[in-house]
Every structure is written in C-alpha cells, then in structure tokens.
C-alpha cells in the first residue's frame, strides 16, 4: 500500500520561505516520478514541480526560479524548498507519486502567505 505523508506547511509572510517534505512508503521514489501540485480556492489543481526517475525536473511557470524540488533516495523523501513566497502561492500543496499509469496522492498541507 502506497502512502505519502506531507509536512512543513504553515503561515509565512510574503518574501519568506518554507520547506515541504513528503515521506513515501510502498513506492520507491528514485524509480518513479514524484512531485507537488497545489490547489487554491476556486482554482484548478496545478503542477508545482516534479522530479522524474532519471532526475530530470519540471517546474510550473509560476514558481520557476523560486522553488526547488529535491529527493533523498536513502530516506525515500521528497522536498520542496519554497523561497520568495508570494500571496498567490497560498494553496493546499499535495505530494504525488506516479508509477506507470497510477498516481498516488498525499493528504495535502496548507501553505498560507499573508502579511
């Protein structure tokens, strides 16, 4: 059974930083795709960042240059370092992992950027 457990969300001021973590069990991150989506109220879920099996990385346009995704293979954990946070980054952030055609999702963690 695949489980993804996120942590690290919270309240931060504009310009601040947060780091999200996603610990996985039942799936090996280094052999699959793992990443983050987010969903703000009234908006569709959008890709934030993902890292592929071969370590190639994609970022959503709105976070390029500010967010960094990484993966610790020994800990089977993915991280999302978020810098220069903006009000519009406020959303629920979901960790996901994809093995072939099947996707698995975490429960989500709230990130609120507010002054």
PDB file of N, CA and C in Angstrom:
ATOM      1  N   UNK A   1       0.850  -1.190   0.000  1.00  0.00           N
ATOM      2  CA  UNK A   1       0.000   0.000   0.000  1.00  0.00           C
ATOM      3  C   UNK A   1       0.887   1.242   0.000  1.00  0.00           C
ATOM      4  N   UNK A   2       0.591   2.147  -0.916  1.00  0.00           N
ATOM      5  CA  UNK A   2       1.381   3.367  -1.037  1.00  0.00           C
ATOM      6  C   UNK A   2       0.824   4.435  -0.099  1.00  0.00           C
ATOM      7  N   UNK A   3       1.717   5.053   0.636  1.00  0.00           N
ATOM      8  CA  UNK A   3       1.329   6.174   1.497  1.00  0.00           C
ATOM      9  C   UNK A   3       2.307   7.319   1.297  1.00  0.00           C
ATOM     10  N   UNK A   4       1.769   8.516   1.189  1.00  0.00           N
ATOM     11  CA  UNK A   4       2.560   9.726   1.082  1.00  0.00           C
ATOM     12  C   UNK A   4       2.137  10.654   2.211  1.00  0.00           C
ATOM     13  N   UNK A   5       3.092  11.087   2.997  1.00  0.00           N
ATOM     14  CA  UNK A   5       2.784  11.929   4.154  1.00  0.00           C
ATOM     15  C   UNK A   5       3.547  13.240   4.033  1.00  0.00           C
ATOM     16  N   UNK A   6       2.787  14.322   3.892  1.00  0.00           N
ATOM     17  CA  UNK A   6       3.395  15.642   3.751  1.00  0.00           C
ATOM     18  C   UNK A   6       3.538  16.322   5.113  1.00  0.00           C
ATOM     19  N   UNK A   7       4.489  17.213   5.181  1.00  0.00           N
ATOM     20  CA  UNK A   7       4.647  18.049   6.363  1.00  0.00           C
ATOM     21  C   UNK A   7       5.348  19.340   5.958  1.00  0.00           C
ATOM     22  N   UNK A   8       5.281  20.337   6.827  1.00  0.00           N
ATOM     23  CA  UNK A   8       6.032  21.556   6.592  1.00  0.00           C
ATOM     24  C   UNK A   8       5.222  22.772   6.184  1.00  0.00           C
ATOM     25  N   UNK A   9       3.930  22.605   5.992  1.00  0.00           N
ATOM     26  CA  UNK A   9       3.121  23.758   5.623  1.00  0.00           C
ATOM     27  C   UNK A   9       2.957  24.713   6.793  1.00  0.00           C
ATOM     28  N   UNK A  10       2.350  25.859   6.519  1.00  0.00           N
ATOM     29  CA  UNK A  10       2.116  26.819   7.579  1.00  0.00           C
ATOM     30  C   UNK A  10       1.867  28.203   7.046  1.00  0.00           C
ATOM     31  N   UNK A  11       1.986  29.164   7.938  1.00  0.00           N
ATOM     32  CA  UNK A  11       1.761  30.574   7.624  1.00  0.00           C
ATOM     33  C   UNK A  11       3.096  31.287   7.522  1.00  0.00           C
ATOM     34  N   UNK A  12       3.250  32.056   6.462  1.00  0.00           N
ATOM     35  CA  UNK A  12       4.507  32.775   6.252  1.00  0.00           C
ATOM     36  C   UNK A  12       4.200  34.125   5.619  1.00  0.00           C
ATOM     37  N   UNK A  13       5.040  35.086   5.866  1.00  0.00           N
ATOM     38  CA  UNK A  13       4.863  36.413   5.280  1.00  0.00           C
ATOM     39  C   UNK A  13       5.380  36.433   3.846  1.00  0.00           C
ATOM     40  N   UNK A  14       4.892  37.347   3.035  1.00  0.00           N
ATOM     41  CA  UNK A  14       5.425  37.482   1.673  1.00  0.00           C
ATOM     42  C   UNK A  14       6.936  37.687   1.705  1.00  0.00           C
ATOM     43  N   UNK A  15       7.607  37.003   0.800  1.00  0.00           N
ATOM     44  CA  UNK A  15       9.065  37.057   0.757  1.00  0.00           C
ATOM     45  C   UNK A  15       9.742  36.002   1.602  1.00  0.00           C
ATOM     46  N   UNK A  16       8.973  35.307   2.416  1.00  0.00           N
ATOM     47  CA  UNK A  16       9.529  34.288   3.290  1.00  0.00           C
ATOM     48  C   UNK A  16       9.736  32.962   2.598  1.00  0.00           C
ATOM     49  N   UNK A  17      10.144  31.975   3.398  1.00  0.00           N
ATOM     50  CA  UNK A  17      10.462  30.647   2.871  1.00  0.00           C
ATOM     51  C   UNK A  17       9.799  29.568   3.704  1.00  0.00           C
ATOM     52  N   UNK A  18       9.528  28.462   3.056  1.00  0.00           N
ATOM     53  CA  UNK A  18       9.057  27.246   3.716  1.00  0.00           C
ATOM     54  C   UNK A  18       9.653  26.063   2.985  1.00  0.00           C
ATOM     55  N   UNK A  19       9.776  24.948   3.706  1.00  0.00           N
ATOM     56  CA  UNK A  19      10.181  23.700   3.058  1.00  0.00           C
ATOM     57  C   UNK A  19       9.160  22.632   3.378  1.00  0.00           C
ATOM     58  N   UNK A  20       8.633  22.046   2.328  1.00  0.00           N
ATOM     59  CA  UNK A  20       7.699  20.939   2.472  1.00  0.00           C
ATOM     60  C   UNK A  20       8.446  19.613   2.323  1.00  0.00           C
ATOM     61  N   UNK A  21       7.970  18.620   3.054  1.00  0.00           N
ATOM     62  CA  UNK A  21       8.526  17.276   2.955  1.00  0.00           C
ATOM     63  C   UNK A  21       7.422  16.292   2.597  1.00  0.00           C
ATOM     64  N   UNK A  22       7.800  15.250   1.884  1.00  0.00           N
ATOM     65  CA  UNK A  22       6.864  14.186   1.529  1.00  0.00           C
ATOM     66  C   UNK A  22       7.580  12.863   1.740  1.00  0.00           C
ATOM     67  N   UNK A  23       7.160  12.140   2.752  1.00  0.00           N
ATOM     68  CA  UNK A  23       7.748  10.839   3.045  1.00  0.00           C
ATOM     69  C   UNK A  23       6.896   9.750   2.418  1.00  0.00           C
ATOM     70  N   UNK A  24       7.539   8.871   1.679  1.00  0.00           N
ATOM     71  CA  UNK A  24       6.803   7.832   0.976  1.00  0.00           C
ATOM     72  C   UNK A  24       7.058   6.452   1.529  1.00  0.00           C
ATOM     73  N   UNK A  25       6.037   5.613   1.458  1.00  0.00           N
ATOM     74  CA  UNK A  25       6.175   4.194   1.776  1.00  0.00           C
ATOM     75  C   UNK A  25       5.373   3.414   0.756  1.00  0.00           C
ATOM     76  N   UNK A  26       5.859   2.214   0.440  1.00  0.00           N
ATOM     77  CA  UNK A  26       5.178   1.388  -0.548  1.00  0.00           C
ATOM     78  C   UNK A  26       5.514   1.734  -1.978  1.00  0.00           C
ATOM     79  N   UNK A  27       6.363   2.708  -2.186  1.00  0.00           N
ATOM     80  CA  UNK A  27       6.796   3.108  -3.521  1.00  0.00           C
ATOM     81  C   UNK A  27       8.194   3.692  -3.395  1.00  0.00           C
ATOM     82  N   UNK A  28       9.037   3.368  -4.341  1.00  0.00           N
ATOM     83  CA  UNK A  28      10.416   3.855  -4.311  1.00  0.00           C
ATOM     84  C   UNK A  28      10.511   5.102  -5.171  1.00  0.00           C
ATOM     85  N   UNK A  29      10.764   6.212  -4.535  1.00  0.00           N
ATOM     86  CA  UNK A  29      10.763   7.491  -5.249  1.00  0.00           C
ATOM     87  C   UNK A  29      11.796   7.526  -6.368  1.00  0.00           C
ATOM     88  N   UNK A  30      12.946   6.970  -6.148  1.00  0.00           N
ATOM     89  CA  UNK A  30      14.015   7.068  -7.143  1.00  0.00           C
ATOM     90  C   UNK A  30      13.694   6.300  -8.425  1.00  0.00           C
ATOM     91  N   UNK A  31      12.734   5.390  -8.365  1.00  0.00           N
ATOM     92  CA  UNK A  31      12.363   4.589  -9.529  1.00  0.00           C
ATOM     93  C   UNK A  31      11.091   5.096 -10.199  1.00  0.00           C
ATOM     94  N   UNK A  32      10.539   6.156  -9.679  1.00  0.00           N
ATOM     95  CA  UNK A  32       9.269   6.675 -10.188  1.00  0.00           C
ATOM     96  C   UNK A  32       9.298   8.196 -10.216  1.00  0.00           C
ATOM     97  N   UNK A  33       8.193   8.785 -10.621  1.00  0.00           N
ATOM     98  CA  UNK A  33       8.060  10.235 -10.610  1.00  0.00           C
ATOM     99  C   UNK A  33       7.440  10.673  -9.292  1.00  0.00           C
ATOM    100  N   UNK A  34       7.973  11.733  -8.720  1.00  0.00           N
ATOM    101  CA  UNK A  34       7.402  12.279  -7.504  1.00  0.00           C
ATOM    102  C   UNK A  34       7.389  13.798  -7.623  1.00  0.00           C
ATOM    103  N   UNK A  35       6.385  14.410  -7.063  1.00  0.00           N
ATOM    104  CA  UNK A  35       6.313  15.855  -7.199  1.00  0.00           C
ATOM    105  C   UNK A  35       5.229  16.479  -6.347  1.00  0.00           C
ATOM    106  N   UNK A  36       4.922  17.714  -6.706  1.00  0.00           N
ATOM    107  CA  UNK A  36       3.965  18.513  -5.946  1.00  0.00           C
ATOM    108  C   UNK A  36       2.995  19.215  -6.888  1.00  0.00           C
ATOM    109  N   UNK A  37       1.746  19.184  -6.519  1.00  0.00           N
ATOM    110  CA  UNK A  37       0.711  20.002  -7.129  1.00  0.00           C
ATOM    111  C   UNK A  37       0.161  20.907  -6.030  1.00  0.00           C
ATOM    112  N   UNK A  38      -0.552  21.922  -6.445  1.00  0.00           N
ATOM    113  CA  UNK A  38      -1.223  22.774  -5.473  1.00  0.00           C
ATOM    114  C   UNK A  38      -2.596  23.171  -6.003  1.00  0.00           C
ATOM    115  N   UNK A  39      -3.469  23.505  -5.054  1.00  0.00           N
ATOM    116  CA  UNK A  39      -4.808  23.941  -5.432  1.00  0.00           C
ATOM    117  C   UNK A  39      -5.245  25.061  -4.517  1.00  0.00           C
ATOM    118  N   UNK A  40      -5.520  26.196  -5.113  1.00  0.00           N
ATOM    119  CA  UNK A  40      -6.030  27.352  -4.382  1.00  0.00           C
ATOM    120  C   UNK A  40      -7.558  27.346  -4.468  1.00  0.00           C
ATOM    121  N   UNK A  41      -8.223  27.993  -3.530  1.00  0.00           N
ATOM    122  CA  UNK A  41      -9.691  28.024  -3.554  1.00  0.00           C
ATOM    123  C   UNK A  41     -10.217  28.570  -4.882  1.00  0.00           C
ATOM    124  N   UNK A  42     -11.145  27.836  -5.468  1.00  0.00           N
ATOM    125  CA  UNK A  42     -11.759  28.274  -6.711  1.00  0.00           C
ATOM    126  C   UNK A  42     -10.919  28.075  -7.948  1.00  0.00           C
ATOM    127  N   UNK A  43      -9.761  27.437  -7.793  1.00  0.00           N
ATOM    128  CA  UNK A  43      -8.872  27.234  -8.936  1.00  0.00           C
ATOM    129  C   UNK A  43      -8.614  25.750  -9.150  1.00  0.00           C
ATOM    130  N   UNK A  44      -8.150  25.430 -10.351  1.00  0.00           N
ATOM    131  CA  UNK A  44      -7.811  24.050 -10.650  1.00  0.00           C
ATOM    132  C   UNK A  44      -6.459  23.688 -10.031  1.00  0.00           C
ATOM    133  N   UNK A  45      -6.306  22.403  -9.824  1.00  0.00           N
ATOM    134  CA  UNK A  45      -5.019  21.924  -9.320  1.00  0.00           C
ATOM    135  C   UNK A  45      -3.964  22.147 -10.386  1.00  0.00           C
ATOM    136  N   UNK A  46      -2.796  22.642  -9.985  1.00  0.00           N
ATOM    137  CA  UNK A  46      -1.743  22.926 -10.961  1.00  0.00           C
ATOM    138  C   UNK A  46      -0.417  22.305 -10.522  1.00  0.00           C
ATOM    139  N   UNK A  47       0.379  21.965 -11.493  1.00  0.00           N
ATOM    140  CA  UNK A  47       1.699  21.411 -11.228  1.00  0.00           C
ATOM    141  C   UNK A  47       2.606  22.474 -10.626  1.00  0.00           C
ATOM    142  N   UNK A  48       3.290  22.096  -9.569  1.00  0.00           N
ATOM    143  CA  UNK A  48       4.308  22.960  -8.972  1.00  0.00           C
ATOM    144  C   UNK A  48       5.684  22.502  -9.436  1.00  0.00           C
ATOM    145  N   UNK A  49       5.990  21.235  -9.189  1.00  0.00           N
ATOM    146  CA  UNK A  49       7.294  20.702  -9.582  1.00  0.00           C
ATOM    147  C   UNK A  49       7.234  19.188  -9.532  1.00  0.00           C
ATOM    148  N   UNK A  50       8.048  18.543 -10.354  1.00  0.00           N
ATOM    149  CA  UNK A  50       8.149  17.093 -10.297  1.00  0.00           C
ATOM    150  C   UNK A  50       9.545  16.678 -10.721  1.00  0.00           C
ATOM    151  N   UNK A  51       9.943  15.558 -10.178  1.00  0.00           N
ATOM    152  CA  UNK A  51      11.256  15.005 -10.494  1.00  0.00           C
ATOM    153  C   UNK A  51      11.041  13.582 -10.981  1.00  0.00           C
ATOM    154  N   UNK A  52      11.640  13.297 -12.134  1.00  0.00           N
ATOM    155  CA  UNK A  52      11.429  12.019 -12.778  1.00  0.00           C
ATOM    156  C   UNK A  52      12.459  11.000 -12.307  1.00  0.00           C
ATOM    157  N   UNK A  53      12.222   9.776 -12.721  1.00  0.00           N
ATOM    158  CA  UNK A  53      13.104   8.679 -12.352  1.00  0.00           C
ATOM    159  C   UNK A  53      14.550   8.998 -12.687  1.00  0.00           C
ATOM    160  N   UNK A  54      14.797   9.587 -13.836  1.00  0.00           N
ATOM    161  CA  UNK A  54      16.164   9.890 -14.247  1.00  0.00           C
ATOM    162  C   UNK A  54      16.677  11.197 -13.677  1.00  0.00           C
ATOM    163  N   UNK A  55      15.914  11.803 -12.764  1.00  0.00           N
ATOM    164  CA  UNK A  55      16.287  13.037 -12.074  1.00  0.00           C
ATOM    165  C   UNK A  55      16.046  14.296 -12.889  1.00  0.00           C
ATOM    166  N   UNK A  56      15.448  14.168 -14.078  1.00  0.00           N
ATOM    167  CA  UNK A  56      15.000  15.381 -14.763  1.00  0.00           C
ATOM    168  C   UNK A  56      13.902  16.040 -13.943  1.00  0.00           C
ATOM    169  N   UNK A  57      13.804  17.337 -14.059  1.00  0.00           N
ATOM    170  CA  UNK A  57      12.876  18.109 -13.244  1.00  0.00           C
ATOM    171  C   UNK A  57      12.044  19.052 -14.110  1.00  0.00           C
ATOM    172  N   UNK A  58      10.766  19.159 -13.783  1.00  0.00           N
ATOM    173  CA  UNK A  58       9.876  20.162 -14.369  1.00  0.00           C
ATOM    174  C   UNK A  58       9.384  21.080 -13.263  1.00  0.00           C
ATOM    175  N   UNK A  59       9.248  22.355 -13.594  1.00  0.00           N
ATOM    176  CA  UNK A  59       8.620  23.319 -12.687  1.00  0.00           C
ATOM    177  C   UNK A  59       7.459  23.995 -13.394  1.00  0.00           C
ATOM    178  N   UNK A  60       6.443  24.346 -12.619  1.00  0.00           N
ATOM    179  CA  UNK A  60       5.398  25.193 -13.152  1.00  0.00           C
ATOM    180  C   UNK A  60       5.955  26.584 -13.406  1.00  0.00           C
ATOM    181  N   UNK A  61       5.425  27.254 -14.408  1.00  0.00           N
ATOM    182  CA  UNK A  61       5.964  28.563 -14.787  1.00  0.00           C
ATOM    183  C   UNK A  61       5.934  29.573 -13.647  1.00  0.00           C
ATOM    184  N   UNK A  62       4.925  29.496 -12.818  1.00  0.00           N
ATOM    185  CA  UNK A  62       4.757  30.497 -11.777  1.00  0.00           C
ATOM    186  C   UNK A  62       5.744  30.351 -10.621  1.00  0.00           C
ATOM    187  N   UNK A  63       6.458  29.234 -10.556  1.00  0.00           N
ATOM    188  CA  UNK A  63       7.379  29.019  -9.431  1.00  0.00           C
ATOM    189  C   UNK A  63       8.838  28.915  -9.868  1.00  0.00           C
ATOM    190  N   UNK A  64       9.088  28.948 -11.158  1.00  0.00           N
ATOM    191  CA  UNK A  64      10.465  28.825 -11.643  1.00  0.00           C
ATOM    192  C   UNK A  64      11.347  29.913 -11.050  1.00  0.00           C
ATOM    193  N   UNK A  65      12.514  29.493 -10.587  1.00  0.00           N
ATOM    194  CA  UNK A  65      13.461  30.437 -10.000  1.00  0.00           C
ATOM    195  C   UNK A  65      13.228  30.703  -8.526  1.00  0.00           C
ATOM    196  N   UNK A  66      12.109  30.240  -7.998  1.00  0.00           N
ATOM    197  CA  UNK A  66      11.809  30.459  -6.581  1.00  0.00           C
ATOM    198  C   UNK A  66      11.708  29.153  -5.791  1.00  0.00           C
ATOM    199  N   UNK A  67      11.221  28.109  -6.418  1.00  0.00           N
ATOM    200  CA  UNK A  67      11.032  26.824  -5.745  1.00  0.00           C
ATOM    201  C   UNK A  67      12.066  25.822  -6.261  1.00  0.00           C
ATOM    202  N   UNK A  68      12.453  24.918  -5.372  1.00  0.00           N
ATOM    203  CA  UNK A  68      13.384  23.860  -5.751  1.00  0.00           C
ATOM    204  C   UNK A  68      12.882  22.535  -5.211  1.00  0.00           C
ATOM    205  N   UNK A  69      12.774  21.550  -6.085  1.00  0.00           N
ATOM    206  CA  UNK A  69      12.389  20.211  -5.673  1.00  0.00           C
ATOM    207  C   UNK A  69      13.643  19.355  -5.574  1.00  0.00           C
ATOM    208  N   UNK A  70      13.645  18.472  -4.573  1.00  0.00           N
ATOM    209  CA  UNK A  70      14.767  17.554  -4.426  1.00  0.00           C
ATOM    210  C   UNK A  70      14.259  16.243  -3.859  1.00  0.00           C
ATOM    211  N   UNK A  71      15.148  15.279  -3.873  1.00  0.00           N
ATOM    212  CA  UNK A  71      14.752  13.916  -3.459  1.00  0.00           C
ATOM    213  C   UNK A  71      15.909  13.293  -2.698  1.00  0.00           C
ATOM    214  N   UNK A  72      15.598  12.728  -1.558  1.00  0.00           N
ATOM    215  CA  UNK A  72      16.577  11.984  -0.768  1.00  0.00           C
ATOM    216  C   UNK A  72      16.260  10.506  -0.928  1.00  0.00           C
ATOM    217  N   UNK A  73      17.042   9.839  -1.751  1.00  0.00           N
ATOM    218  CA  UNK A  73      16.741   8.438  -2.059  1.00  0.00           C
ATOM    219  C   UNK A  73      16.866   7.537  -0.828  1.00  0.00           C
ATOM    220  N   UNK A  74      17.827   7.818   0.014  1.00  0.00           N
ATOM    221  CA  UNK A  74      18.032   6.979   1.203  1.00  0.00           C
ATOM    222  C   UNK A  74      16.835   7.075   2.155  1.00  0.00           C
ATOM    223  N   UNK A  75      16.253   8.258   2.248  1.00  0.00           N
ATOM    224  CA  UNK A  75      15.110   8.466   3.139  1.00  0.00           C
ATOM    225  C   UNK A  75      13.775   8.284   2.417  1.00  0.00           C
ATOM    226  N   UNK A  76      13.822   8.087   1.112  1.00  0.00           N
ATOM    227  CA  UNK A  76      12.600   7.992   0.300  1.00  0.00           C
ATOM    228  C   UNK A  76      11.673   9.171   0.597  1.00  0.00           C
ATOM    229  N   UNK A  77      12.277  10.343   0.551  1.00  0.00           N
ATOM    230  CA  UNK A  77      11.563  11.580   0.886  1.00  0.00           C
ATOM    231  C   UNK A  77      11.835  12.621  -0.188  1.00  0.00           C
ATOM    232  N   UNK A  78      10.796  13.361  -0.527  1.00  0.00           N
ATOM    233  CA  UNK A  78      10.931  14.461  -1.467  1.00  0.00           C
ATOM    234  C   UNK A  78      10.734  15.767  -0.715  1.00  0.00           C
ATOM    235  N   UNK A  79      11.389  16.788  -1.213  1.00  0.00           N
ATOM    236  CA  UNK A  79      11.325  18.091  -0.574  1.00  0.00           C
ATOM    237  C   UNK A  79      10.958  19.158  -1.598  1.00  0.00           C
ATOM    238  N   UNK A  80      10.295  20.184  -1.111  1.00  0.00           N
ATOM    239  CA  UNK A  80      10.020  21.349  -1.939  1.00  0.00           C
ATOM    240  C   UNK A  80      10.450  22.577  -1.142  1.00  0.00           C
ATOM    241  N   UNK A  81      11.554  23.166  -1.539  1.00  0.00           N
ATOM    242  CA  UNK A  81      12.028  24.392  -0.915  1.00  0.00           C
ATOM    243  C   UNK A  81      11.375  25.565  -1.628  1.00  0.00           C
ATOM    244  N   UNK A  82      10.651  26.368  -0.879  1.00  0.00           N
ATOM    245  CA  UNK A  82       9.910  27.484  -1.452  1.00  0.00           C
ATOM    246  C   UNK A  82      10.474  28.790  -0.907  1.00  0.00           C
ATOM    247  N   UNK A  83      11.030  29.587  -1.777  1.00  0.00           N
ATOM    248  CA  UNK A  83      11.610  30.880  -1.406  1.00  0.00           C
ATOM    249  C   UNK A  83      10.845  32.006  -2.077  1.00  0.00           C
ATOM    250  N   UNK A  84      11.042  33.206  -1.573  1.00  0.00           N
ATOM    251  CA  UNK A  84      10.399  34.399  -2.147  1.00  0.00           C
ATOM    252  C   UNK A  84       8.901  34.183  -2.329  1.00  0.00           C
ATOM    253  N   UNK A  85       8.267  33.683  -1.296  1.00  0.00           N
ATOM    254  CA  UNK A  85       6.852  33.341  -1.396  1.00  0.00           C
ATOM    255  C   UNK A  85       5.993  34.577  -1.628  1.00  0.00           C
ATOM    256  N   UNK A  86       4.954  34.389  -2.428  1.00  0.00           N
ATOM    257  CA  UNK A  86       4.031  35.452  -2.787  1.00  0.00           C
ATOM    258  C   UNK A  86       2.632  35.116  -2.272  1.00  0.00           C
ATOM    259  N   UNK A  87       1.799  36.129  -2.211  1.00  0.00           N
ATOM    260  CA  UNK A  87       0.429  35.905  -1.763  1.00  0.00           C
ATOM    261  C   UNK A  87      -0.257  34.839  -2.609  1.00  0.00           C
ATOM    262  N   UNK A  88       0.039  34.837  -3.892  1.00  0.00           N
ATOM    263  CA  UNK A  88      -0.623  33.912  -4.808  1.00  0.00           C
ATOM    264  C   UNK A  88      -0.101  32.477  -4.691  1.00  0.00           C
ATOM    265  N   UNK A  89       0.874  32.249  -3.851  1.00  0.00           N
ATOM    266  CA  UNK A  89       1.324  30.880  -3.584  1.00  0.00           C
ATOM    267  C   UNK A  89       0.448  30.191  -2.542  1.00  0.00           C
ATOM    268  N   UNK A  90      -0.463  30.933  -1.952  1.00  0.00           N
ATOM    269  CA  UNK A  90      -1.367  30.348  -0.969  1.00  0.00           C
ATOM    270  C   UNK A  90      -2.219  29.262  -1.608  1.00  0.00           C
ATOM    271  N   UNK A  91      -2.160  28.067  -1.031  1.00  0.00           N
ATOM    272  CA  UNK A  91      -2.880  26.916  -1.588  1.00  0.00           C
ATOM    273  C   UNK A  91      -2.674  25.710  -0.678  1.00  0.00           C
ATOM    274  N   UNK A  92      -3.409  24.660  -0.983  1.00  0.00           N
ATOM    275  CA  UNK A  92      -3.107  23.358  -0.402  1.00  0.00           C
ATOM    276  C   UNK A  92      -2.128  22.665  -1.343  1.00  0.00           C
ATOM    277  N   UNK A  93      -1.036  22.205  -0.808  1.00  0.00           N
ATOM    278  CA  UNK A  93       0.010  21.556  -1.593  1.00  0.00           C
ATOM    279  C   UNK A  93      -0.079  20.045  -1.386  1.00  0.00           C
ATOM    280  N   UNK A  94      -0.112  19.344  -2.499  1.00  0.00           N
ATOM    281  CA  UNK A  94      -0.254  17.895  -2.476  1.00  0.00           C
ATOM    282  C   UNK A  94       0.993  17.232  -3.053  1.00  0.00           C
ATOM    283  N   UNK A  95       1.514  16.300  -2.315  1.00  0.00           N
ATOM    284  CA  UNK A  95       2.566  15.454  -2.844  1.00  0.00           C
ATOM    285  C   UNK A  95       1.933  14.359  -3.687  1.00  0.00           C
ATOM    286  N   UNK A  96       2.596  14.004  -4.772  1.00  0.00           N
ATOM    287  CA  UNK A  96       2.096  12.878  -5.553  1.00  0.00           C
ATOM    288  C   UNK A  96       3.274  12.040  -6.041  1.00  0.00           C
ATOM    289  N   UNK A  97       2.958  10.796  -6.316  1.00  0.00           N
ATOM    290  CA  UNK A  97       3.933   9.885  -6.905  1.00  0.00           C
ATOM    291  C   UNK A  97       3.232   9.108  -8.006  1.00  0.00           C
ATOM    292  N   UNK A  98       3.957   8.876  -9.066  1.00  0.00           N
ATOM    293  CA  UNK A  98       3.360   8.166 -10.197  1.00  0.00           C
ATOM    294  C   UNK A  98       4.203   6.965 -10.559  1.00  0.00           C
ATOM    295  N   UNK A  99       3.557   5.808 -10.594  1.00  0.00           N
ATOM    296  CA  UNK A  99       4.199   4.573 -11.005  1.00  0.00           C
ATOM    297  C   UNK A  99       3.434   4.054 -12.213  1.00  0.00           C
ATOM    298  N   UNK A 100       4.086   4.049 -13.355  1.00  0.00           N
ATOM    299  CA  UNK A 100       3.469   3.759 -14.664  1.00  0.00           C
ATOM    300  C   UNK A 100       2.261   4.667 -14.825  1.00  0.00           C
ATOM    301  N   UNK A 101       1.052   4.143 -14.902  1.00  0.00           N
ATOM    302  CA  UNK A 101      -0.132   4.974 -15.144  1.00  0.00           C
ATOM    303  C   UNK A 101      -0.910   5.277 -13.873  1.00  0.00           C
ATOM    304  N   UNK A 102      -0.435   4.837 -12.738  1.00  0.00           N
ATOM    305  CA  UNK A 102      -1.155   5.023 -11.480  1.00  0.00           C
ATOM    306  C   UNK A 102      -0.531   6.146 -10.670  1.00  0.00           C
ATOM    307  N   UNK A 103      -1.377   7.061 -10.209  1.00  0.00           N
ATOM    308  CA  UNK A 103      -0.918   8.160  -9.363  1.00  0.00           C
ATOM    309  C   UNK A 103      -1.404   7.981  -7.939  1.00  0.00           C
ATOM    310  N   UNK A 104      -0.568   8.385  -7.013  1.00  0.00           N
ATOM    311  CA  UNK A 104      -0.885   8.325  -5.588  1.00  0.00           C
ATOM    312  C   UNK A 104      -0.731   9.734  -5.020  1.00  0.00           C
ATOM    313  N   UNK A 105      -1.591  10.053  -4.053  1.00  0.00           N
ATOM    314  CA  UNK A 105      -1.618  11.412  -3.513  1.00  0.00           C
ATOM    315  C   UNK A 105      -1.533  11.426  -1.993  1.00  0.00           C
ATOM    316  N   UNK A 106      -0.875  12.457  -1.489  1.00  0.00           N
ATOM    317  CA  UNK A 106      -0.883  12.703  -0.066  1.00  0.00           C
ATOM    318  C   UNK A 106      -2.146  13.438   0.343  1.00  0.00           C
ATOM    319  N   UNK A 107      -2.257  13.707   1.624  1.00  0.00           N
ATOM    320  CA  UNK A 107      -3.474  14.319   2.150  1.00  0.00           C
ATOM    321  C   UNK A 107      -3.494  15.833   1.950  1.00  0.00           C
ATOM    322  N   UNK A 108      -2.362  16.409   1.624  1.00  0.00           N
ATOM    323  CA  UNK A 108      -2.274  17.841   1.411  1.00  0.00           C
ATOM    324  C   UNK A 108      -1.831  18.585   2.654  1.00  0.00           C
ATOM    325  N   UNK A 109      -1.128  19.680   2.435  1.00  0.00           N
ATOM    326  CA  UNK A 109      -0.696  20.542   3.525  1.00  0.00           C
ATOM    327  C   UNK A 109      -0.950  22.005   3.114  1.00  0.00           C
ATOM    328  N   UNK A 110      -1.486  22.774   4.031  1.00  0.00           N
ATOM    329  CA  UNK A 110      -1.861  24.142   3.724  1.00  0.00           C
ATOM    330  C   UNK A 110      -0.641  25.060   3.817  1.00  0.00           C
ATOM    331  N   UNK A 111      -0.475  25.870   2.797  1.00  0.00           N
ATOM    332  CA  UNK A 111       0.523  26.941   2.806  1.00  0.00           C
ATOM    333  C   UNK A 111      -0.233  28.254   2.649  1.00  0.00           C
ATOM    334  N   UNK A 112      -0.053  29.129   3.602  1.00  0.00           N
ATOM    335  CA  UNK A 112      -0.715  30.430   3.564  1.00  0.00           C
ATOM    336  C   UNK A 112       0.337  31.527   3.608  1.00  0.00           C
ATOM    337  N   UNK A 113       0.316  32.382   2.601  1.00  0.00           N
ATOM    338  CA  UNK A 113       1.226  33.514   2.538  1.00  0.00           C
ATOM    339  C   UNK A 113       0.402  34.769   2.797  1.00  0.00           C
ATOM    340  N   UNK A 114       0.709  35.422   3.899  1.00  0.00           N
ATOM    341  CA  UNK A 114      -0.096  36.579   4.297  1.00  0.00           C
ATOM    342  C   UNK A 114       0.726  37.519   5.155  1.00  0.00           C
ATOM    343  N   UNK A 115       0.455  38.800   5.007  1.00  0.00           N
ATOM    344  CA  UNK A 115       1.122  39.787   5.847  1.00  0.00           C
ATOM    345  C   UNK A 115       0.274  40.106   7.072  1.00  0.00           C
TER     346      UNK A 115
END
